[in-house]
Amino acid sequence: MIFRLLYPPKCIMCRTIMPLKTEICLCDECFENFEFLESSNCILCRKSVQCNCLEDFYFKGCYAVFGYDDLVSTLIKTAKYGGRPSYFRTFGSLMADFFAKNINENIDILSPIPLHKNRENKRGFNQSQILADKISELINIPIIDDLLIRKLDTKPQASLNLESRKNNVSDAFIFNNKYSVEAKVIMLIDDIYTTGSTINACSKELINRKAGKVISLSLSSTTMREKIMD
């Protein structure tokens, strides 16, 4: 509390001082600039969640809070590469709120998408870990941060086309054998959903270990943009 008195939370966009107990560091005016996705629509085809888009995937539920528009893109890049990891705590709070209002699943475990240690050490943090920690704190679902291990230091997905993305991460993850996920419902947490290649590779490991179901919750989805350059 003393720390917050000395360094009160500020809006991540306009730097307006926020109430001391705020979880979402966005003032009302800045909050109005965000466009939330319709939870009843598939983030892949934009139609009903009863569509068949996920038939060929190992995960069977796919949610995102925002489209990857210019505002969200800028904030994520600033947080990742501009030394503002605290932004992800606000984003995690938004994701927890989205989950509570829109996702009717009995989740047993939260699992952040892991970074390879080389990249995490270089960046100083794993954004998916920060998101998952905040979501777990607010919705009281246990998190296992090392349920999956990224064994390969793969190329950044953003630089690759669709087929290359699939190949790039197909064998990048391994399951941590000290855990059991049999019959468990697991929710994977990530910052950006694009083609689903990363989520699917992680889901495959979990389903092969007899997980009951895997769904994903991402902060944003590029698939909602009018033109996608995979």
Protein backbone atom coordinates (compact mmCIF):
# COMPACT_ATOMS: atom_id res chain seq x y z
CA MET A 1 0.00 0.00 0.00
CA ILE A 2 2.86 2.40 0.80
CA PHE A 3 4.35 1.70 -2.63
CA ARG A 4 1.02 2.55 -4.29
CA LEU A 5 0.75 5.75 -2.26
CA LEU A 6 4.19 6.78 -3.48
CA TYR A 7 3.66 5.47 -7.01
CA PRO A 8 -0.09 5.49 -7.68
CA PRO A 9 -1.36 3.50 -10.67
CA LYS A 10 -1.71 5.49 -13.88
CA CYS A 11 -3.66 4.96 -17.06
CA ILE A 12 -1.37 3.08 -19.45
CA MET A 13 -2.38 5.41 -22.28
CA CYS A 14 -2.74 8.98 -21.00
CA ARG A 15 -0.96 8.56 -17.61
CA THR A 16 -3.91 9.92 -15.61
CA ILE A 17 -3.62 8.89 -11.95
CA MET A 18 -6.04 6.06 -11.15
CA PRO A 19 -7.66 4.97 -7.86
CA LEU A 20 -5.23 3.06 -5.65
CA LYS A 21 -7.12 -0.26 -5.78
CA THR A 22 -7.74 -0.28 -9.52
CA GLU A 23 -6.95 -3.47 -11.42
CA ILE A 24 -7.54 -2.10 -14.92
CA CYS A 25 -5.23 0.87 -15.42
CA LEU A 26 -7.28 2.57 -18.10
CA CYS A 27 -9.23 5.75 -17.45
CA ASP A 28 -12.84 5.92 -18.64
CA GLU A 29 -11.97 8.13 -21.60
CA CYS A 30 -9.18 5.87 -22.88
CA PHE A 31 -11.21 2.72 -22.20
CA GLU A 32 -13.80 3.94 -24.70
CA ASN A 33 -11.21 3.68 -27.49
CA PHE A 34 -11.11 -0.13 -27.29
CA GLU A 35 -13.33 -2.37 -29.39
CA PHE A 36 -14.15 -5.64 -27.69
CA LEU A 37 -14.88 -8.72 -29.79
CA GLU A 38 -18.29 -10.34 -29.69
CA SER A 39 -17.84 -13.46 -27.57
CA SER A 40 -20.66 -15.22 -29.42
CA ASN A 41 -18.71 -15.10 -32.71
CA CYS A 42 -15.93 -17.44 -33.78
CA ILE A 43 -12.69 -15.45 -34.00
CA LEU A 44 -11.74 -17.40 -37.12
CA CYS A 45 -14.81 -17.03 -39.36
CA ARG A 46 -16.64 -14.26 -37.43
CA LYS A 47 -19.79 -16.38 -37.42
CA SER A 48 -21.44 -18.45 -34.69
CA VAL A 49 -19.23 -20.30 -32.21
CA GLN A 50 -21.19 -23.38 -33.34
CA CYS A 51 -19.20 -23.34 -36.61
CA ASN A 52 -16.80 -26.09 -37.69
CA CYS A 53 -13.60 -24.05 -37.75
CA LEU A 54 -11.88 -26.03 -35.01
CA GLU A 55 -12.59 -29.54 -36.33
CA ASP A 56 -8.98 -30.03 -37.42
CA PHE A 57 -7.44 -28.50 -34.29
CA TYR A 58 -6.53 -30.14 -31.00
CA PHE A 59 -8.07 -27.26 -29.03
CA LYS A 60 -11.87 -26.95 -29.01
CA GLY A 61 -12.50 -23.42 -27.83
CA CYS A 62 -10.84 -20.22 -28.96
CA TYR A 63 -11.47 -16.77 -27.49
CA ALA A 64 -9.92 -13.31 -27.76
CA VAL A 65 -10.75 -10.03 -26.05
CA PHE A 66 -9.74 -7.66 -28.86
CA GLY A 67 -8.97 -7.61 -32.54
CA TYR A 68 -5.36 -6.76 -33.31
CA ASP A 69 -6.11 -3.21 -34.41
CA ASP A 70 -3.65 -0.31 -34.44
CA LEU A 71 -4.34 0.67 -30.82
CA VAL A 72 -3.94 -2.83 -29.39
CA SER A 73 -0.95 -3.53 -31.63
CA THR A 74 0.84 -0.40 -30.45
CA LEU A 75 0.21 -1.13 -26.77
CA ILE A 76 1.36 -4.76 -27.04
CA LYS A 77 4.55 -3.76 -28.88
CA THR A 78 5.24 -1.01 -26.35
CA ALA A 79 4.74 -3.47 -23.49
CA LYS A 80 6.88 -6.20 -25.09
CA TYR A 81 9.72 -4.20 -26.56
CA GLY A 82 9.50 -0.85 -24.77
CA GLY A 83 10.07 -2.04 -21.23
CA ARG A 84 6.46 -1.83 -20.02
CA PRO A 85 5.65 -5.37 -18.80
CA SER A 86 3.25 -3.89 -16.22
CA TYR A 87 0.84 -3.21 -19.09
CA PHE A 88 0.21 -6.94 -19.25
CA ARG A 89 -1.23 -6.89 -15.72
CA THR A 90 -3.91 -4.49 -16.94
CA PHE A 91 -4.45 -6.67 -20.01
CA GLY A 92 -4.70 -9.73 -17.74
CA SER A 93 -7.38 -7.98 -15.70
CA LEU A 94 -9.34 -7.31 -18.89
CA MET A 95 -8.98 -10.97 -19.89
CA ALA A 96 -10.20 -12.13 -16.46
CA ASP A 97 -13.23 -9.87 -16.79
CA PHE A 98 -13.89 -11.22 -20.30
CA PHE A 99 -13.64 -14.80 -19.03
CA ALA A 100 -16.06 -14.19 -16.16
CA LYS A 101 -18.65 -12.64 -18.47
CA ASN A 102 -18.32 -14.75 -21.60
CA ILE A 103 -16.71 -18.18 -21.17
CA ASN A 104 -18.89 -20.91 -19.75
CA GLU A 105 -16.23 -23.54 -19.10
CA ASN A 106 -15.14 -25.25 -15.90
CA ILE A 107 -11.40 -24.72 -16.19
CA ASP A 108 -9.07 -26.85 -14.07
CA ILE A 109 -5.69 -25.36 -15.05
CA LEU A 110 -4.34 -22.19 -16.67
CA SER A 111 -1.19 -22.66 -18.72
CA PRO A 112 0.71 -19.74 -20.28
CA ILE A 113 2.32 -20.32 -23.66
CA PRO A 114 6.02 -20.72 -22.80
CA LEU A 115 8.87 -18.76 -24.33
CA HIS A 116 12.22 -20.40 -24.92
CA LYS A 117 14.61 -19.44 -22.12
CA ASN A 118 16.89 -17.60 -24.55
CA ARG A 119 14.10 -15.26 -25.63
CA GLU A 120 12.67 -14.87 -22.13
CA ASN A 121 16.08 -13.97 -20.73
CA LYS A 122 16.64 -11.45 -23.50
CA ARG A 123 13.23 -9.81 -23.04
CA GLY A 124 13.25 -10.14 -19.26
CA PHE A 125 9.77 -11.63 -18.99
CA ASN A 126 7.18 -13.86 -20.63
CA GLN A 127 4.10 -11.77 -21.39
CA SER A 128 1.83 -14.83 -21.39
CA GLN A 129 3.04 -15.66 -17.88
CA ILE A 130 2.14 -12.16 -16.63
CA LEU A 131 -1.30 -12.39 -18.26
CA ALA A 132 -1.95 -15.85 -16.78
CA ASP A 133 -0.77 -14.81 -13.29
CA LYS A 134 -3.22 -11.90 -13.21
CA ILE A 135 -6.10 -13.99 -14.61
CA SER A 136 -5.42 -16.72 -12.03
CA GLU A 137 -5.35 -14.15 -9.23
CA LEU A 138 -8.69 -12.63 -10.22
CA ILE A 139 -10.75 -15.71 -11.16
CA ASN A 140 -9.16 -18.15 -8.70
CA ILE A 141 -8.14 -20.86 -11.16
CA PRO A 142 -4.78 -22.54 -10.49
CA ILE A 143 -1.92 -21.86 -12.88
CA ILE A 144 0.91 -24.23 -13.78
CA ASP A 145 3.53 -22.07 -15.43
CA ASP A 146 5.81 -24.95 -16.46
CA LEU A 147 3.16 -27.41 -17.63
CA LEU A 148 4.68 -27.05 -21.10
CA ILE A 149 8.32 -26.40 -21.93
CA ARG A 150 9.53 -24.77 -25.12
CA LYS A 151 12.44 -26.96 -26.13
CA LEU A 152 13.25 -25.24 -29.45
CA ASP A 153 14.29 -21.61 -29.87
CA THR A 154 12.18 -21.12 -32.98
CA LYS A 155 12.05 -18.18 -35.38
CA PRO A 156 9.53 -15.45 -34.47
CA GLN A 157 6.15 -16.46 -35.90
CA ALA A 158 5.42 -12.93 -37.13
CA SER A 159 8.07 -13.29 -39.85
CA LEU A 160 6.58 -16.46 -41.37
CA ASN A 161 3.73 -17.42 -43.70
CA LEU A 162 0.97 -19.85 -42.72
CA GLU A 163 2.66 -23.12 -43.68
CA SER A 164 5.99 -22.02 -42.22
CA ARG A 165 4.28 -21.11 -38.94
CA LYS A 166 2.92 -24.65 -38.62
CA ASN A 167 6.30 -26.24 -39.31
CA ASN A 168 8.14 -23.75 -37.10
CA VAL A 169 6.35 -24.81 -33.90
CA SER A 170 5.20 -28.35 -34.70
CA ASP A 171 7.81 -29.93 -32.39
CA ALA A 172 8.73 -26.90 -30.31
CA PHE A 173 6.96 -27.90 -27.07
CA ILE A 174 7.15 -30.82 -24.68
CA PHE A 175 4.93 -31.78 -21.77
CA ASN A 176 6.40 -31.59 -18.27
CA ASN A 177 6.16 -35.16 -16.98
CA LYS A 178 5.97 -34.19 -13.32
CA TYR A 179 2.31 -33.26 -13.86
CA SER A 180 -0.84 -35.16 -14.78
CA VAL A 181 -3.58 -33.59 -16.90
CA GLU A 182 -5.76 -36.65 -17.42
CA ALA A 183 -9.40 -35.56 -17.90
CA LYS A 184 -8.50 -31.96 -17.01
CA VAL A 185 -9.84 -28.91 -18.85
CA ILE A 186 -6.94 -26.59 -19.63
CA MET A 187 -7.01 -23.01 -20.82
CA LEU A 188 -3.93 -21.79 -22.68
CA ILE A 189 -3.10 -18.11 -22.30
CA ASP A 190 -1.34 -15.98 -24.93
CA ASP A 191 -1.17 -12.37 -26.07
CA ILE A 192 -1.84 -12.74 -29.82
CA TYR A 193 -3.74 -15.38 -31.78
CA THR A 194 -2.94 -15.39 -35.50
CA THR A 195 -3.12 -18.76 -37.26
CA GLY A 196 -3.48 -21.02 -34.22
CA SER A 197 -0.25 -22.89 -34.97
CA THR A 198 1.32 -22.25 -31.56
CA ILE A 199 -1.87 -22.95 -29.63
CA ASN A 200 -2.41 -26.14 -31.63
CA ALA A 201 1.12 -27.41 -31.06
CA CYS A 202 0.70 -26.91 -27.31
CA SER A 203 -2.77 -28.46 -27.34
CA LYS A 204 -1.45 -31.55 -29.14
CA GLU A 205 1.00 -32.20 -26.31
CA LEU A 206 -1.78 -31.87 -23.73
CA ILE A 207 -4.31 -34.03 -25.57
CA ASN A 208 -1.65 -36.69 -26.12
CA ARG A 209 -1.29 -36.71 -22.32
CA LYS A 210 -5.04 -37.39 -22.01
CA ALA A 211 -6.22 -33.89 -21.17
CA GLY A 212 -10.01 -33.80 -21.33
CA LYS A 213 -10.24 -30.56 -23.30
CA VAL A 214 -8.07 -27.60 -24.25
CA ILE A 215 -9.31 -24.09 -24.99
CA SER A 216 -7.41 -20.86 -25.53
CA LEU A 217 -7.87 -17.28 -24.38
CA SER A 218 -5.78 -14.60 -26.07
CA LEU A 219 -5.64 -10.89 -25.50
CA SER A 220 -6.04 -10.20 -29.22
CA SER A 221 -6.68 -11.91 -32.53
CA THR A 222 -5.30 -10.83 -35.89
CA THR A 223 -7.88 -12.97 -37.62
CA MET A 224 -10.48 -10.27 -37.07
CA ARG A 225 -8.71 -7.84 -39.37
CA GLU A 226 -10.14 -7.27 -42.84
CA LYS A 227 -6.86 -8.30 -44.46
CA ILE A 228 -4.50 -10.80 -42.92
CA MET A 229 -1.00 -11.29 -44.23
CA ASP A 230 -0.13 -14.83 -43.08
